[in-house]
Amino acid sequence: MNKIELLDKKRRQYSKFYFMGLTVFTIAWIPRLILKSLDVKFALADRILILVLALSLPFQVYGSWGLARIARLIKKDPELKAALYNEYYLWNDLKAWKTGFFTMGACLAIFAVASLFIPFDVMAVALTAIWTGVGGYHISLYRLERSENG
């Protein structure tokens, strides 16, 4: 396997780790946010959700670190940059950014409607919207690249 194929494969693997960590994080974050906003006092559920959040973070850190390392390698080598940041990848990147933007907007719209019934912490809503947008971008880019590679 040549260097380009190897880096592309690693990039997809790191994206998968990030995606898995973010998914688990989101699955634990949303119920915790709702329980906190409703002022529900259930210590066991809170501890379990915090544990799940903490366990998901290493996956996100590992995926992010790997993706950043690969991006630095690609930027240093013009041949790799030409091969891995081709027009198709850049087009998918643009579509993924749009998806992330609209995902963040949808998240804020859901919170706007839900806030009519539940008083949410503004900082928690802002963080959730940011994570949703970033997650939407990464999930979209991962799926677009995956559909390209079969």
N, C-alpha and C. Protein backbone atom coordinates (compact mmCIF):
# COMPACT_ATOMS: atom_id res chain seq x y z
N MET A 1 0.85 -1.17 0.00
CA MET A 1 0.00 0.00 0.00
C MET A 1 0.90 1.24 0.00
N ASN A 2 0.63 2.16 -0.88
CA ASN A 2 1.49 3.35 -0.92
C ASN A 2 1.10 4.34 0.18
N LYS A 3 1.90 5.37 0.32
CA LYS A 3 1.74 6.33 1.41
C LYS A 3 0.40 7.06 1.34
N ILE A 4 -0.05 7.39 0.14
CA ILE A 4 -1.31 8.12 -0.03
C ILE A 4 -2.49 7.27 0.43
N GLU A 5 -2.53 6.02 -0.01
CA GLU A 5 -3.62 5.14 0.40
C GLU A 5 -3.59 4.88 1.90
N LEU A 6 -2.41 4.74 2.45
CA LEU A 6 -2.26 4.49 3.89
C LEU A 6 -2.76 5.69 4.71
N LEU A 7 -2.37 6.90 4.31
CA LEU A 7 -2.84 8.09 5.02
C LEU A 7 -4.35 8.27 4.88
N ASP A 8 -4.89 7.98 3.70
CA ASP A 8 -6.32 8.10 3.50
C ASP A 8 -7.07 7.09 4.38
N LYS A 9 -6.54 5.89 4.47
CA LYS A 9 -7.15 4.86 5.33
C LYS A 9 -7.08 5.29 6.80
N LYS A 10 -5.94 5.83 7.22
CA LYS A 10 -5.80 6.29 8.60
C LYS A 10 -6.75 7.44 8.89
N ARG A 11 -6.91 8.33 7.93
CA ARG A 11 -7.81 9.46 8.10
C ARG A 11 -9.24 8.98 8.33
N ARG A 12 -9.66 7.97 7.58
CA ARG A 12 -11.00 7.41 7.77
C ARG A 12 -11.12 6.71 9.13
N GLN A 13 -10.05 6.03 9.56
CA GLN A 13 -10.08 5.36 10.86
C GLN A 13 -10.18 6.37 12.00
N TYR A 14 -9.38 7.43 11.93
CA TYR A 14 -9.45 8.46 12.97
C TYR A 14 -10.82 9.13 12.97
N SER A 15 -11.39 9.34 11.79
CA SER A 15 -12.74 9.92 11.71
C SER A 15 -13.75 9.00 12.37
N LYS A 16 -13.60 7.69 12.19
CA LYS A 16 -14.52 6.73 12.79
C LYS A 16 -14.42 6.78 14.32
N PHE A 17 -13.20 6.85 14.86
CA PHE A 17 -13.03 6.95 16.31
C PHE A 17 -13.69 8.23 16.84
N TYR A 18 -13.45 9.33 16.16
CA TYR A 18 -14.04 10.60 16.58
C TYR A 18 -15.57 10.51 16.52
N PHE A 19 -16.09 9.95 15.45
CA PHE A 19 -17.52 9.80 15.25
C PHE A 19 -18.14 8.95 16.36
N MET A 20 -17.50 7.84 16.70
CA MET A 20 -18.02 6.97 17.76
C MET A 20 -18.04 7.71 19.10
N GLY A 21 -16.94 8.37 19.43
CA GLY A 21 -16.88 9.11 20.69
C GLY A 21 -17.92 10.21 20.76
N LEU A 22 -18.08 10.94 19.67
CA LEU A 22 -19.04 12.04 19.63
C LEU A 22 -20.47 11.53 19.75
N THR A 23 -20.76 10.41 19.12
CA THR A 23 -22.10 9.83 19.19
C THR A 23 -22.43 9.43 20.63
N VAL A 24 -21.52 8.73 21.27
CA VAL A 24 -21.76 8.31 22.66
C VAL A 24 -21.87 9.54 23.57
N PHE A 25 -21.01 10.52 23.34
CA PHE A 25 -21.05 11.75 24.12
C PHE A 25 -22.41 12.44 24.00
N THR A 26 -22.90 12.54 22.78
CA THR A 26 -24.18 13.20 22.53
C THR A 26 -25.33 12.42 23.16
N ILE A 27 -25.28 11.10 23.06
CA ILE A 27 -26.33 10.26 23.63
C ILE A 27 -26.39 10.44 25.15
N ALA A 28 -25.26 10.68 25.78
CA ALA A 28 -25.24 10.90 27.23
C ALA A 28 -25.50 12.37 27.59
N TRP A 29 -25.04 13.29 26.74
CA TRP A 29 -25.14 14.72 27.06
C TRP A 29 -26.59 15.23 27.05
N ILE A 30 -27.35 14.86 26.05
CA ILE A 30 -28.71 15.39 25.89
C ILE A 30 -29.60 14.99 27.08
N PRO A 31 -29.66 13.70 27.49
CA PRO A 31 -30.47 13.39 28.67
C PRO A 31 -29.99 14.09 29.93
N ARG A 32 -28.68 14.22 30.08
CA ARG A 32 -28.15 14.91 31.27
C ARG A 32 -28.57 16.38 31.25
N LEU A 33 -28.50 17.00 30.10
CA LEU A 33 -28.92 18.40 29.97
C LEU A 33 -30.40 18.56 30.32
N ILE A 34 -31.22 17.65 29.83
CA ILE A 34 -32.65 17.72 30.09
C ILE A 34 -32.94 17.47 31.57
N LEU A 35 -32.30 16.45 32.16
CA LEU A 35 -32.51 16.17 33.58
C LEU A 35 -32.08 17.35 34.45
N LYS A 36 -30.94 17.95 34.11
CA LYS A 36 -30.47 19.12 34.87
C LYS A 36 -31.44 20.29 34.72
N SER A 37 -31.92 20.49 33.50
CA SER A 37 -32.84 21.61 33.25
C SER A 37 -34.17 21.43 33.96
N LEU A 38 -34.61 20.19 34.07
CA LEU A 38 -35.86 19.90 34.78
C LEU A 38 -35.65 19.83 36.29
N ASP A 39 -34.40 19.96 36.70
CA ASP A 39 -34.01 19.92 38.12
C ASP A 39 -34.39 18.60 38.77
N VAL A 40 -34.19 17.51 38.00
CA VAL A 40 -34.45 16.17 38.51
C VAL A 40 -33.24 15.74 39.33
N LYS A 41 -33.48 15.29 40.54
CA LYS A 41 -32.42 14.85 41.44
C LYS A 41 -32.38 13.33 41.46
N PHE A 42 -31.61 12.76 40.56
CA PHE A 42 -31.44 11.31 40.51
C PHE A 42 -29.94 11.05 40.38
N ALA A 43 -29.29 10.88 41.52
CA ALA A 43 -27.83 10.83 41.59
C ALA A 43 -27.24 9.69 40.78
N LEU A 44 -27.87 8.52 40.80
CA LEU A 44 -27.33 7.38 40.07
C LEU A 44 -27.31 7.64 38.57
N ALA A 45 -28.40 8.16 38.04
CA ALA A 45 -28.45 8.47 36.60
C ALA A 45 -27.41 9.53 36.24
N ASP A 46 -27.29 10.52 37.10
CA ASP A 46 -26.30 11.57 36.86
C ASP A 46 -24.88 11.01 36.83
N ARG A 47 -24.58 10.15 37.76
CA ARG A 47 -23.24 9.53 37.81
C ARG A 47 -22.98 8.65 36.60
N ILE A 48 -23.98 7.90 36.19
CA ILE A 48 -23.83 7.03 35.02
C ILE A 48 -23.60 7.88 33.77
N LEU A 49 -24.38 8.93 33.61
CA LEU A 49 -24.23 9.80 32.43
C LEU A 49 -22.87 10.49 32.43
N ILE A 50 -22.40 10.93 33.58
CA ILE A 50 -21.08 11.55 33.66
C ILE A 50 -19.99 10.54 33.32
N LEU A 51 -20.15 9.31 33.78
CA LEU A 51 -19.18 8.25 33.46
C LEU A 51 -19.14 7.99 31.96
N VAL A 52 -20.32 7.93 31.34
CA VAL A 52 -20.38 7.71 29.89
C VAL A 52 -19.72 8.89 29.16
N LEU A 53 -19.99 10.10 29.61
CA LEU A 53 -19.35 11.29 29.01
C LEU A 53 -17.83 11.19 29.11
N ALA A 54 -17.35 10.83 30.30
CA ALA A 54 -15.91 10.74 30.51
C ALA A 54 -15.29 9.63 29.67
N LEU A 55 -15.98 8.52 29.52
CA LEU A 55 -15.44 7.41 28.73
C LEU A 55 -15.43 7.71 27.23
N SER A 56 -16.30 8.60 26.78
CA SER A 56 -16.34 8.93 25.36
C SER A 56 -15.23 9.92 24.96
N LEU A 57 -14.75 10.69 25.90
CA LEU A 57 -13.75 11.72 25.59
C LEU A 57 -12.44 11.17 25.02
N PRO A 58 -11.88 10.05 25.55
CA PRO A 58 -10.64 9.55 24.94
C PRO A 58 -10.78 9.21 23.45
N PHE A 59 -11.94 8.71 23.05
CA PHE A 59 -12.16 8.40 21.64
C PHE A 59 -12.14 9.68 20.80
N GLN A 60 -12.78 10.73 21.32
CA GLN A 60 -12.79 12.00 20.60
C GLN A 60 -11.39 12.62 20.54
N VAL A 61 -10.67 12.54 21.63
CA VAL A 61 -9.31 13.10 21.66
C VAL A 61 -8.40 12.33 20.71
N TYR A 62 -8.48 11.00 20.75
CA TYR A 62 -7.66 10.18 19.87
C TYR A 62 -7.98 10.47 18.40
N GLY A 63 -9.27 10.55 18.07
CA GLY A 63 -9.65 10.85 16.69
C GLY A 63 -9.20 12.24 16.26
N SER A 64 -9.41 13.22 17.12
CA SER A 64 -9.01 14.60 16.80
C SER A 64 -7.51 14.72 16.65
N TRP A 65 -6.78 14.12 17.57
CA TRP A 65 -5.31 14.17 17.51
C TRP A 65 -4.81 13.52 16.22
N GLY A 66 -5.36 12.37 15.88
CA GLY A 66 -4.93 11.68 14.67
C GLY A 66 -5.25 12.47 13.41
N LEU A 67 -6.44 13.05 13.36
CA LEU A 67 -6.82 13.85 12.19
C LEU A 67 -5.94 15.09 12.05
N ALA A 68 -5.61 15.72 13.18
CA ALA A 68 -4.73 16.90 13.13
C ALA A 68 -3.33 16.51 12.69
N ARG A 69 -2.84 15.37 13.16
CA ARG A 69 -1.50 14.90 12.78
C ARG A 69 -1.44 14.61 11.28
N ILE A 70 -2.46 13.96 10.77
CA ILE A 70 -2.50 13.66 9.33
C ILE A 70 -2.61 14.95 8.52
N ALA A 71 -3.40 15.90 8.98
CA ALA A 71 -3.53 17.18 8.27
C ALA A 71 -2.18 17.90 8.20
N ARG A 72 -1.40 17.84 9.29
CA ARG A 72 -0.06 18.47 9.26
C ARG A 72 0.86 17.76 8.27
N LEU A 73 0.80 16.43 8.24
CA LEU A 73 1.63 15.68 7.28
C LEU A 73 1.25 16.02 5.84
N ILE A 74 -0.02 16.13 5.59
CA ILE A 74 -0.50 16.42 4.23
C ILE A 74 -0.08 17.83 3.81
N LYS A 75 -0.19 18.79 4.71
CA LYS A 75 0.16 20.17 4.37
C LYS A 75 1.64 20.35 4.10
N LYS A 76 2.48 19.51 4.70
CA LYS A 76 3.93 19.61 4.51
C LYS A 76 4.39 19.03 3.17
N ASP A 77 3.66 18.06 2.65
CA ASP A 77 4.07 17.35 1.44
C ASP A 77 3.15 17.74 0.28
N PRO A 78 3.67 18.48 -0.72
CA PRO A 78 2.83 18.92 -1.85
C PRO A 78 2.19 17.75 -2.63
N GLU A 79 2.90 16.63 -2.72
CA GLU A 79 2.36 15.48 -3.45
C GLU A 79 1.15 14.90 -2.70
N LEU A 80 1.28 14.78 -1.39
CA LEU A 80 0.15 14.28 -0.59
C LEU A 80 -1.01 15.26 -0.62
N LYS A 81 -0.69 16.55 -0.57
CA LYS A 81 -1.74 17.57 -0.59
C LYS A 81 -2.53 17.51 -1.90
N ALA A 82 -1.82 17.35 -2.99
CA ALA A 82 -2.48 17.27 -4.30
C ALA A 82 -3.34 16.02 -4.41
N ALA A 83 -2.87 14.92 -3.81
CA ALA A 83 -3.60 13.66 -3.93
C ALA A 83 -4.77 13.57 -2.95
N LEU A 84 -4.59 14.04 -1.73
CA LEU A 84 -5.61 13.85 -0.70
C LEU A 84 -6.55 15.04 -0.54
N TYR A 85 -6.12 16.22 -0.96
CA TYR A 85 -7.01 17.39 -0.93
C TYR A 85 -7.42 17.74 -2.35
N ASN A 86 -7.86 16.72 -3.07
CA ASN A 86 -8.28 16.92 -4.45
C ASN A 86 -9.63 17.62 -4.51
N GLU A 87 -10.11 17.89 -5.70
CA GLU A 87 -11.37 18.63 -5.87
C GLU A 87 -12.55 17.89 -5.24
N TYR A 88 -12.55 16.57 -5.36
CA TYR A 88 -13.65 15.79 -4.81
C TYR A 88 -13.69 15.91 -3.29
N TYR A 89 -12.52 15.83 -2.64
CA TYR A 89 -12.46 15.97 -1.18
C TYR A 89 -12.89 17.38 -0.76
N LEU A 90 -12.41 18.39 -1.48
CA LEU A 90 -12.77 19.77 -1.15
C LEU A 90 -14.27 20.02 -1.34
N TRP A 91 -14.86 19.40 -2.36
CA TRP A 91 -16.30 19.51 -2.58
C TRP A 91 -17.06 18.85 -1.43
N ASN A 92 -16.60 17.65 -1.02
CA ASN A 92 -17.22 16.98 0.12
C ASN A 92 -17.05 17.80 1.40
N ASP A 93 -15.91 18.43 1.57
CA ASP A 93 -15.65 19.27 2.74
C ASP A 93 -16.62 20.45 2.78
N LEU A 94 -16.86 21.06 1.63
CA LEU A 94 -17.81 22.18 1.56
C LEU A 94 -19.23 21.71 1.89
N LYS A 95 -19.63 20.56 1.34
CA LYS A 95 -20.96 20.03 1.65
C LYS A 95 -21.08 19.69 3.13
N ALA A 96 -19.99 19.17 3.72
CA ALA A 96 -20.01 18.83 5.14
C ALA A 96 -20.12 20.09 6.00
N TRP A 97 -19.43 21.18 5.60
CA TRP A 97 -19.55 22.44 6.35
C TRP A 97 -20.99 22.95 6.31
N LYS A 98 -21.61 22.85 5.15
CA LYS A 98 -23.02 23.28 5.04
C LYS A 98 -23.91 22.43 5.94
N THR A 99 -23.67 21.13 5.95
CA THR A 99 -24.45 20.24 6.80
C THR A 99 -24.25 20.59 8.27
N GLY A 100 -23.02 20.85 8.66
CA GLY A 100 -22.74 21.24 10.04
C GLY A 100 -23.45 22.52 10.42
N PHE A 101 -23.45 23.48 9.52
CA PHE A 101 -24.12 24.76 9.77
C PHE A 101 -25.61 24.56 9.97
N PHE A 102 -26.24 23.81 9.07
CA PHE A 102 -27.67 23.59 9.18
C PHE A 102 -28.02 22.70 10.36
N THR A 103 -27.13 21.79 10.73
CA THR A 103 -27.35 20.96 11.91
C THR A 103 -27.35 21.83 13.17
N MET A 104 -26.42 22.77 13.23
CA MET A 104 -26.37 23.69 14.36
C MET A 104 -27.63 24.55 14.41
N GLY A 105 -28.07 25.02 13.27
CA GLY A 105 -29.30 25.80 13.21
C GLY A 105 -30.52 25.00 13.65
N ALA A 106 -30.58 23.74 13.23
CA ALA A 106 -31.70 22.87 13.64
C ALA A 106 -31.67 22.63 15.14
N CYS A 107 -30.49 22.44 15.69
CA CYS A 107 -30.34 22.25 17.13
C CYS A 107 -30.85 23.47 17.89
N LEU A 108 -30.45 24.65 17.43
CA LEU A 108 -30.91 25.88 18.08
C LEU A 108 -32.42 26.06 17.95
N ALA A 109 -32.98 25.67 16.81
CA ALA A 109 -34.43 25.76 16.63
C ALA A 109 -35.16 24.82 17.58
N ILE A 110 -34.64 23.61 17.75
CA ILE A 110 -35.25 22.65 18.67
C ILE A 110 -35.20 23.20 20.10
N PHE A 111 -34.05 23.76 20.47
CA PHE A 111 -33.94 24.33 21.81
C PHE A 111 -34.84 25.55 21.98
N ALA A 112 -35.02 26.31 20.92
CA ALA A 112 -35.90 27.48 21.01
C ALA A 112 -37.34 27.05 21.31
N VAL A 113 -37.79 26.00 20.64
CA VAL A 113 -39.14 25.50 20.90
C VAL A 113 -39.21 24.85 22.28
N ALA A 114 -38.22 24.03 22.61
CA ALA A 114 -38.22 23.33 23.90
C ALA A 114 -38.11 24.30 25.07
N SER A 115 -37.46 25.45 24.84
CA SER A 115 -37.30 26.41 25.93
C SER A 115 -38.62 27.06 26.33
N LEU A 116 -39.64 26.89 25.52
CA LEU A 116 -40.97 27.36 25.91
C LEU A 116 -41.52 26.54 27.08
N PHE A 117 -41.01 25.30 27.21
CA PHE A 117 -41.50 24.39 28.24
C PHE A 117 -40.48 24.09 29.34
N ILE A 118 -39.19 24.14 28.97
CA ILE A 118 -38.12 23.80 29.90
C ILE A 118 -37.12 24.95 29.94
N PRO A 119 -36.79 25.46 31.11
CA PRO A 119 -35.76 26.52 31.18
C PRO A 119 -34.35 25.92 31.07
N PHE A 120 -33.66 26.21 29.99
CA PHE A 120 -32.32 25.67 29.76
C PHE A 120 -31.26 26.69 30.15
N ASP A 121 -30.11 26.19 30.53
CA ASP A 121 -28.94 27.03 30.77
C ASP A 121 -28.40 27.48 29.41
N VAL A 122 -28.20 28.76 29.24
CA VAL A 122 -27.77 29.30 27.95
C VAL A 122 -26.41 28.73 27.53
N MET A 123 -25.49 28.61 28.47
CA MET A 123 -24.16 28.09 28.15
C MET A 123 -24.25 26.63 27.67
N ALA A 124 -25.09 25.84 28.32
CA ALA A 124 -25.26 24.44 27.91
C ALA A 124 -25.86 24.36 26.51
N VAL A 125 -26.80 25.23 26.20
CA VAL A 125 -27.40 25.24 24.87
C VAL A 125 -26.36 25.64 23.83
N ALA A 126 -25.54 26.65 24.15
CA ALA A 126 -24.50 27.09 23.21
C ALA A 126 -23.51 25.96 22.96
N LEU A 127 -23.05 25.30 24.01
CA LEU A 127 -22.11 24.19 23.84
C LEU A 127 -22.73 23.04 23.05
N THR A 128 -23.99 22.75 23.34
CA THR A 128 -24.67 21.68 22.61
C THR A 128 -24.80 22.03 21.13
N ALA A 129 -25.11 23.27 20.82
CA ALA A 129 -25.23 23.69 19.42
C ALA A 129 -23.87 23.60 18.71
N ILE A 130 -22.82 24.01 19.40
CA ILE A 130 -21.48 23.92 18.79
C ILE A 130 -21.10 22.47 18.55
N TRP A 131 -21.30 21.62 19.56
CA TRP A 131 -20.98 20.20 19.39
C TRP A 131 -21.82 19.57 18.29
N THR A 132 -23.06 19.98 18.19
CA THR A 132 -23.93 19.45 17.15
C THR A 132 -23.43 19.87 15.76
N GLY A 133 -23.03 21.13 15.63
CA GLY A 133 -22.51 21.59 14.35
C GLY A 133 -21.22 20.90 13.96
N VAL A 134 -20.31 20.79 14.92
CA VAL A 134 -19.03 20.11 14.65
C VAL A 134 -19.28 18.64 14.34
N GLY A 135 -20.17 18.03 15.12
CA GLY A 135 -20.50 16.63 14.87
C GLY A 135 -21.17 16.43 13.52
N GLY A 136 -22.07 17.33 13.17
CA GLY A 136 -22.71 17.25 11.85
C GLY A 136 -21.71 17.34 10.72
N TYR A 137 -20.73 18.21 10.89
CA TYR A 137 -19.68 18.34 9.87
C TYR A 137 -18.90 17.04 9.76
N HIS A 138 -18.41 16.52 10.89
CA HIS A 138 -17.57 15.32 10.85
C HIS A 138 -18.33 14.08 10.38
N ILE A 139 -19.56 13.94 10.84
CA ILE A 139 -20.36 12.79 10.41
C ILE A 139 -20.65 12.88 8.92
N SER A 140 -20.98 14.06 8.45
CA SER A 140 -21.25 14.24 7.03
C SER A 140 -20.01 13.96 6.18
N LEU A 141 -18.88 14.50 6.59
CA LEU A 141 -17.64 14.26 5.84
C LEU A 141 -17.28 12.79 5.84
N TYR A 142 -17.43 12.13 6.99
CA TYR A 142 -17.14 10.70 7.09
C TYR A 142 -18.04 9.89 6.15
N ARG A 143 -19.33 10.20 6.15
CA ARG A 143 -20.26 9.48 5.29
C ARG A 143 -20.00 9.75 3.80
N LEU A 144 -19.67 11.00 3.46
CA LEU A 144 -19.38 11.32 2.07
C LEU A 144 -18.13 10.59 1.58
N GLU A 145 -17.09 10.55 2.42
CA GLU A 145 -15.88 9.84 2.04
C GLU A 145 -16.11 8.34 1.97
N ARG A 146 -16.94 7.85 2.87
CA ARG A 146 -17.23 6.42 2.90
C ARG A 146 -18.00 6.00 1.65
N SER A 147 -18.94 6.85 1.22
CA SER A 147 -19.70 6.52 0.02
C SER A 147 -18.83 6.55 -1.23
N GLU A 148 -17.77 7.37 -1.19
CA GLU A 148 -16.83 7.43 -2.32
C GLU A 148 -16.00 6.16 -2.39
N ASN A 149 -15.63 5.63 -1.23
CA ASN A 149 -14.73 4.48 -1.18
C ASN A 149 -15.45 3.15 -1.06
N GLY A 150 -16.76 3.16 -1.19
CA GLY A 150 -17.53 1.92 -1.17
C GLY A 150 -17.85 1.53 0.17
